[in-house]
Amino acid sequence: MDSNEFLKFRKRLNKTQQEIAELLGISVKAVHSYEQGWRNVPTHVERQLYFLLSRLKGGEEAIRPCWVIKKCPAERKKQCPASEFQAGKFCWFINGTICECKARKNWKDKIRICKECEVMQVLLDELEG
């Protein structure tokens, strides 16, 4: 997540720098640093922002579970944490999901794939609109 995305998402959540800092459990100085591009947005902050934005949207009933969209075979679905925890609409939030037929080792690799997936694309499109 770059500084422009962080700023855009904070504004979409309608939060001041102080409010977003409190909500994310970080300092206002960290928020300033992310928005100025002086520091990279850490994984845990990025994930939490996406989660908050997904809850703001409210139209999640239109999102089909990831295993339906990806037409996962029963065996893969059985091994995937998204299915195990019935989180097919929040698969992007869960590490270890078997996206594109393999689990990703870290959030950065995972979110790159997730941003191209229909499940998360519904959220991202809503944020753009």
Protein backbone atom coordinates (compact mmCIF):
# COMPACT_ATOMS: atom_id res chain seq x y z
CA MET A 1 0.00 0.00 0.00
CA ASP A 2 1.43 3.34 -0.96
CA SER A 3 0.97 6.73 0.70
CA ASN A 4 -1.79 7.80 -1.73
CA GLU A 5 -3.82 4.66 -1.05
CA PHE A 6 -3.44 5.10 2.70
CA LEU A 7 -4.64 8.69 2.50
CA LYS A 8 -7.52 7.80 0.17
CA PHE A 9 -8.65 4.98 2.44
CA ARG A 10 -8.44 7.17 5.57
CA LYS A 11 -10.62 9.77 3.87
CA ARG A 12 -13.04 7.08 2.65
CA LEU A 13 -13.40 5.99 6.27
CA ASN A 14 -14.07 9.66 7.10
CA LYS A 15 -11.45 9.71 9.85
CA THR A 16 -8.98 12.37 10.90
CA GLN A 17 -5.35 11.42 11.33
CA GLN A 18 -5.88 11.25 15.09
CA GLU A 19 -9.00 9.09 14.73
CA ILE A 20 -7.40 6.63 12.30
CA ALA A 21 -4.34 6.38 14.54
CA GLU A 22 -6.53 5.43 17.50
CA LEU A 23 -8.60 3.02 15.39
CA LEU A 24 -5.50 1.27 14.05
CA GLY A 25 -3.61 1.33 17.35
CA ILE A 26 -0.73 3.39 15.95
CA SER A 27 0.68 6.85 16.62
CA VAL A 28 -0.36 10.00 14.78
CA LYS A 29 3.31 10.35 13.85
CA ALA A 30 3.09 6.97 12.08
CA VAL A 31 0.01 8.16 10.17
CA HIS A 32 1.89 11.28 9.09
CA SER A 33 4.83 9.13 7.98
CA TYR A 34 2.62 6.79 5.94
CA GLU A 35 0.79 9.65 4.25
CA GLN A 36 4.02 11.49 3.42
CA GLY A 37 5.63 8.32 2.09
CA TRP A 38 8.42 8.46 4.65
CA ARG A 39 7.57 4.98 5.98
CA ASN A 40 6.01 1.92 4.41
CA VAL A 41 2.58 0.93 5.68
CA PRO A 42 3.08 -2.25 7.72
CA THR A 43 1.18 -5.40 6.84
CA HIS A 44 -0.98 -5.40 9.96
CA VAL A 45 -2.08 -1.80 9.32
CA GLU A 46 -2.85 -2.49 5.65
CA ARG A 47 -4.90 -5.58 6.51
CA GLN A 48 -6.85 -3.73 9.16
CA LEU A 49 -7.61 -0.85 6.77
CA TYR A 50 -8.96 -3.25 4.13
CA PHE A 51 -11.05 -4.97 6.78
CA LEU A 52 -12.55 -1.69 8.02
CA LEU A 53 -13.27 -0.63 4.46
CA SER A 54 -14.97 -3.95 3.73
CA ARG A 55 -17.26 -3.46 6.70
CA LEU A 56 -18.06 0.11 5.63
CA LYS A 57 -19.25 -1.08 2.24
CA GLY A 58 -22.27 -2.95 3.57
CA GLY A 59 -23.17 -4.70 0.29
CA GLU A 60 -21.22 -7.89 0.89
CA GLU A 61 -24.21 -10.09 0.08
CA ALA A 62 -23.38 -9.47 -3.58
CA ILE A 63 -19.98 -11.10 -3.11
CA ARG A 64 -19.87 -14.82 -3.78
CA PRO A 65 -17.53 -17.00 -1.73
CA CYS A 66 -14.06 -17.37 -3.22
CA TRP A 67 -14.34 -21.13 -3.65
CA VAL A 68 -17.40 -20.59 -5.88
CA ILE A 69 -15.71 -17.89 -7.94
CA LYS A 70 -12.49 -19.88 -8.32
CA LYS A 71 -14.37 -23.18 -8.83
CA CYS A 72 -12.16 -24.89 -6.29
CA PRO A 73 -12.18 -28.68 -6.31
CA ALA A 74 -13.54 -30.24 -3.12
CA GLU A 75 -10.09 -31.41 -1.98
CA ARG A 76 -8.54 -27.91 -2.31
CA LYS A 77 -11.55 -26.32 -0.62
CA LYS A 78 -11.21 -28.76 2.28
CA GLN A 79 -7.54 -27.72 2.77
CA CYS A 80 -8.12 -23.97 2.53
CA PRO A 81 -8.51 -21.81 5.66
CA ALA A 82 -11.08 -19.60 3.90
CA SER A 83 -13.40 -22.58 3.65
CA GLU A 84 -12.53 -23.94 7.08
CA PHE A 85 -13.59 -20.67 8.71
CA GLN A 86 -16.46 -19.96 6.28
CA ALA A 87 -14.70 -16.76 5.21
CA GLY A 88 -15.08 -16.97 1.44
CA LYS A 89 -15.88 -13.27 1.25
CA PHE A 90 -12.85 -12.39 3.38
CA CYS A 91 -10.33 -14.83 1.89
CA TRP A 92 -8.03 -11.86 1.17
CA PHE A 93 -7.79 -11.26 4.93
CA ILE A 94 -6.67 -14.78 5.83
CA ASN A 95 -3.08 -15.94 5.38
CA GLY A 96 -2.55 -19.42 4.02
CA THR A 97 -5.46 -19.47 1.60
CA ILE A 98 -4.83 -21.59 -1.47
CA CYS A 99 -5.25 -18.93 -4.16
CA GLU A 100 -4.17 -19.69 -7.70
CA CYS A 101 -3.54 -23.27 -6.52
CA LYS A 102 -0.92 -22.47 -3.88
CA ALA A 103 -0.60 -20.71 -0.55
CA ARG A 104 1.50 -17.53 -0.49
CA LYS A 105 4.31 -17.14 2.01
CA ASN A 106 3.65 -13.52 2.94
CA TRP A 107 0.99 -10.81 2.81
CA LYS A 108 2.75 -8.79 0.10
CA ASP A 109 2.65 -11.72 -2.34
CA LYS A 110 -0.88 -12.63 -1.32
CA ILE A 111 -2.42 -9.16 -1.61
CA ARG A 112 -0.92 -8.72 -5.08
CA ILE A 113 -2.96 -11.71 -6.27
CA CYS A 114 -6.00 -10.77 -4.20
CA LYS A 115 -6.25 -7.31 -5.75
CA GLU A 116 -6.78 -9.01 -9.13
CA CYS A 117 -9.40 -11.46 -7.80
CA GLU A 118 -13.14 -10.88 -8.19
CA VAL A 119 -13.73 -11.29 -4.45
CA MET A 120 -11.58 -8.32 -3.48
CA GLN A 121 -12.25 -6.46 -6.73
CA VAL A 122 -15.85 -5.91 -5.62
CA LEU A 123 -14.53 -4.10 -2.54
CA LEU A 124 -11.95 -2.10 -4.48
CA ASP A 125 -14.47 -1.10 -7.16
CA GLU A 126 -16.84 0.12 -4.47
CA LEU A 127 -14.05 2.24 -2.96
CA GLU A 128 -13.38 3.84 -6.33
CA GLY A 129 -17.06 4.66 -6.85
